[in-house]
Amino acid sequence: MKGFLIGLAALVLVAGSLGCSAPLTTREKGAGIGALGGAAVGGIIGSAVGHPGAGAAIGGALGLGTGALIGDQMQGQEQQQQQQQRQLEQNQAELERQRRELERLKKEREY
């Protein structure tokens, strides 16, 4: 019962903080998911050995760290993709500019 109350309190705290904050980064989402998942699994394992609160706390801490690391990697990949997209758009704009310049030069030759 104690583990259930700890898990419920953690869930309420996380839900409350998510409702009042700015949009979460990928790193923060990963940390939150990892913490909740780790606490749940830790609570289940802890209850099997008679210490659900300790299991939930340890599992939550481990899940938080792991989730944050995974979220950080994902956020890095997202940033790299955004940078590549910006570069692609710049290249396309330059190609379009050069195409218009070529058309202008062709028209000047015709006259």
C-alpha atoms as a PDB file:
ATOM      1  CA  MET A   1       0.000   0.000   0.000  1.00  0.00           C
ATOM      2  CA  LYS A   2       2.852   2.360   0.842  1.00  0.00           C
ATOM      3  CA  GLY A   3       4.416   1.794  -2.589  1.00  0.00           C
ATOM      4  CA  PHE A   4       1.107   2.509  -4.264  1.00  0.00           C
ATOM      5  CA  LEU A   5       0.807   5.807  -2.398  1.00  0.00           C
ATOM      6  CA  ILE A   6       4.344   6.796  -3.324  1.00  0.00           C
ATOM      7  CA  GLY A   7       3.661   5.968  -6.969  1.00  0.00           C
ATOM      8  CA  LEU A   8       0.402   7.890  -6.899  1.00  0.00           C
ATOM      9  CA  ALA A   9       2.097  10.907  -5.318  1.00  0.00           C
ATOM     10  CA  ALA A  10       4.827  10.809  -7.959  1.00  0.00           C
ATOM     11  CA  LEU A  11       2.240  10.601 -10.714  1.00  0.00           C
ATOM     12  CA  VAL A  12       0.333  13.575  -9.315  1.00  0.00           C
ATOM     13  CA  LEU A  13       3.539  15.630  -9.028  1.00  0.00           C
ATOM     14  CA  VAL A  14       4.602  14.821 -12.585  1.00  0.00           C
ATOM     15  CA  ALA A  15       1.143  15.474 -14.026  1.00  0.00           C
ATOM     16  CA  GLY A  16       0.894  18.759 -12.134  1.00  0.00           C
ATOM     17  CA  SER A  17       4.282  19.969 -13.277  1.00  0.00           C
ATOM     18  CA  LEU A  18       3.550  19.029 -16.887  1.00  0.00           C
ATOM     19  CA  GLY A  19       0.310  20.978 -16.889  1.00  0.00           C
ATOM     20  CA  CYS A  20       1.944  24.207 -15.741  1.00  0.00           C
ATOM     21  CA  SER A  21       5.183  24.225 -17.660  1.00  0.00           C
ATOM     22  CA  ALA A  22       6.332  25.209 -21.121  1.00  0.00           C
ATOM     23  CA  PRO A  23       6.550  22.480 -23.774  1.00  0.00           C
ATOM     24  CA  LEU A  24       8.972  19.773 -22.723  1.00  0.00           C
ATOM     25  CA  THR A  25      12.146  19.018 -24.615  1.00  0.00           C
ATOM     26  CA  THR A  26      12.806  15.525 -25.861  1.00  0.00           C
ATOM     27  CA  ARG A  27      15.351  15.080 -23.069  1.00  0.00           C
ATOM     28  CA  GLU A  28      12.776  16.030 -20.435  1.00  0.00           C
ATOM     29  CA  LYS A  29      10.156  13.731 -21.937  1.00  0.00           C
ATOM     30  CA  GLY A  30      12.617  10.838 -21.908  1.00  0.00           C
ATOM     31  CA  ALA A  31      13.547  11.535 -18.297  1.00  0.00           C
ATOM     32  CA  GLY A  32       9.898  11.646 -17.228  1.00  0.00           C
ATOM     33  CA  ILE A  33       8.967   8.466 -19.033  1.00  0.00           C
ATOM     34  CA  GLY A  34      12.053   6.718 -17.679  1.00  0.00           C
ATOM     35  CA  ALA A  35      11.353   7.848 -14.122  1.00  0.00           C
ATOM     36  CA  LEU A  36       7.736   6.694 -14.214  1.00  0.00           C
ATOM     37  CA  GLY A  37       8.580   3.400 -15.858  1.00  0.00           C
ATOM     38  CA  GLY A  38      11.498   2.784 -13.524  1.00  0.00           C
ATOM     39  CA  ALA A  39       9.405   3.590 -10.461  1.00  0.00           C
ATOM     40  CA  ALA A  40       6.665   1.228 -11.607  1.00  0.00           C
ATOM     41  CA  VAL A  41       9.042  -1.640 -12.307  1.00  0.00           C
ATOM     42  CA  GLY A  42      11.031  -0.912  -9.149  1.00  0.00           C
ATOM     43  CA  GLY A  43       7.845  -0.903  -7.094  1.00  0.00           C
ATOM     44  CA  ILE A  44       6.788  -4.251  -8.516  1.00  0.00           C
ATOM     45  CA  ILE A  45      10.192  -5.805  -7.901  1.00  0.00           C
ATOM     46  CA  GLY A  46      10.415  -4.171  -4.465  1.00  0.00           C
ATOM     47  CA  SER A  47       7.030  -5.517  -3.459  1.00  0.00           C
ATOM     48  CA  ALA A  48       8.207  -9.012  -4.319  1.00  0.00           C
ATOM     49  CA  VAL A  49      10.991  -8.668  -1.740  1.00  0.00           C
ATOM     50  CA  GLY A  50       8.910  -6.699   0.772  1.00  0.00           C
ATOM     51  CA  HIS A  51      10.191  -3.168   0.094  1.00  0.00           C
ATOM     52  CA  PRO A  52       7.992  -1.571  -2.598  1.00  0.00           C
ATOM     53  CA  GLY A  53       8.836   2.022  -1.608  1.00  0.00           C
ATOM     54  CA  ALA A  54      12.572   1.474  -1.788  1.00  0.00           C
ATOM     55  CA  GLY A  55      12.187  -0.418  -5.055  1.00  0.00           C
ATOM     56  CA  ALA A  56      10.114   2.385  -6.551  1.00  0.00           C
ATOM     57  CA  ALA A  57      12.616   5.023  -5.426  1.00  0.00           C
ATOM     58  CA  ILE A  58      15.614   3.127  -6.772  1.00  0.00           C
ATOM     59  CA  GLY A  59      13.811   2.219  -9.994  1.00  0.00           C
ATOM     60  CA  GLY A  60      12.651   5.798 -10.456  1.00  0.00           C
ATOM     61  CA  ALA A  61      16.166   7.164 -10.034  1.00  0.00           C
ATOM     62  CA  LEU A  62      17.654   4.639 -12.444  1.00  0.00           C
ATOM     63  CA  GLY A  63      14.829   5.199 -14.929  1.00  0.00           C
ATOM     64  CA  LEU A  64      15.276   8.963 -14.684  1.00  0.00           C
ATOM     65  CA  GLY A  65      18.956   8.738 -15.542  1.00  0.00           C
ATOM     66  CA  THR A  66      18.469   6.254 -18.351  1.00  0.00           C
ATOM     67  CA  GLY A  67      15.513   8.128 -19.804  1.00  0.00           C
ATOM     68  CA  ALA A  68      17.432  11.404 -19.718  1.00  0.00           C
ATOM     69  CA  LEU A  69      20.377   9.850 -21.565  1.00  0.00           C
ATOM     70  CA  ILE A  70      18.143   8.376 -24.245  1.00  0.00           C
ATOM     71  CA  GLY A  71      16.171  11.618 -24.535  1.00  0.00           C
ATOM     72  CA  ASP A  72      19.407  13.586 -24.868  1.00  0.00           C
ATOM     73  CA  GLN A  73      20.540  11.372 -27.743  1.00  0.00           C
ATOM     74  CA  MET A  74      17.187  11.754 -29.464  1.00  0.00           C
ATOM     75  CA  GLN A  75      17.248  15.525 -28.982  1.00  0.00           C
ATOM     76  CA  GLY A  76      20.728  15.666 -30.525  1.00  0.00           C
ATOM     77  CA  GLN A  77      19.479  13.762 -33.561  1.00  0.00           C
ATOM     78  CA  GLU A  78      16.497  16.115 -33.886  1.00  0.00           C
ATOM     79  CA  GLN A  79      18.792  19.142 -33.790  1.00  0.00           C
ATOM     80  CA  GLN A  80      21.050  17.599 -36.427  1.00  0.00           C
ATOM     81  CA  GLN A  81      18.063  16.911 -38.685  1.00  0.00           C
ATOM     82  CA  GLN A  82      16.845  20.500 -38.253  1.00  0.00           C
ATOM     83  CA  GLN A  83      20.279  21.821 -39.174  1.00  0.00           C
ATOM     84  CA  GLN A  84      20.387  19.614 -42.265  1.00  0.00           C
ATOM     85  CA  GLN A  85      16.895  20.798 -43.259  1.00  0.00           C
ATOM     86  CA  ARG A  86      17.950  24.445 -42.937  1.00  0.00           C
ATOM     87  CA  GLN A  87      21.021  23.792 -45.082  1.00  0.00           C
ATOM     88  CA  LEU A  88      18.876  22.042 -47.698  1.00  0.00           C
ATOM     89  CA  GLU A  89      16.469  24.995 -47.805  1.00  0.00           C
ATOM     90  CA  GLN A  90      19.374  27.431 -48.183  1.00  0.00           C
ATOM     91  CA  ASN A  91      20.784  25.355 -51.054  1.00  0.00           C
ATOM     92  CA  GLN A  92      17.405  25.251 -52.781  1.00  0.00           C
ATOM     93  CA  ALA A  93      17.011  29.020 -52.422  1.00  0.00           C
ATOM     94  CA  GLU A  94      20.463  29.556 -53.931  1.00  0.00           C
ATOM     95  CA  LEU A  95      19.693  27.235 -56.849  1.00  0.00           C
ATOM     96  CA  GLU A  96      16.459  29.118 -57.506  1.00  0.00           C
ATOM     97  CA  ARG A  97      18.308  32.431 -57.416  1.00  0.00           C
ATOM     98  CA  GLN A  98      20.875  31.131 -59.903  1.00  0.00           C
ATOM     99  CA  ARG A  99      18.124  29.772 -62.183  1.00  0.00           C
ATOM    100  CA  ARG A 100      16.440  33.194 -62.256  1.00  0.00           C
ATOM    101  CA  GLU A 101      19.782  34.852 -63.009  1.00  0.00           C
ATOM    102  CA  LEU A 102      20.384  32.466 -65.919  1.00  0.00           C
ATOM    103  CA  GLU A 103      16.922  33.197 -67.310  1.00  0.00           C
ATOM    104  CA  ARG A 104      17.603  36.925 -67.043  1.00  0.00           C
ATOM    105  CA  LEU A 105      20.934  36.570 -68.882  1.00  0.00           C
ATOM    106  CA  LYS A 106      19.309  34.489 -71.642  1.00  0.00           C
ATOM    107  CA  LYS A 107      16.703  37.176 -72.194  1.00  0.00           C
ATOM    108  CA  GLU A 108      19.386  39.882 -72.374  1.00  0.00           C
ATOM    109  CA  ARG A 109      21.217  37.913 -75.106  1.00  0.00           C
ATOM    110  CA  GLU A 110      18.085  37.619 -77.157  1.00  0.00           C
ATOM    111  CA  TYR A 111      17.715  41.390 -77.411  1.00  0.00           C
END
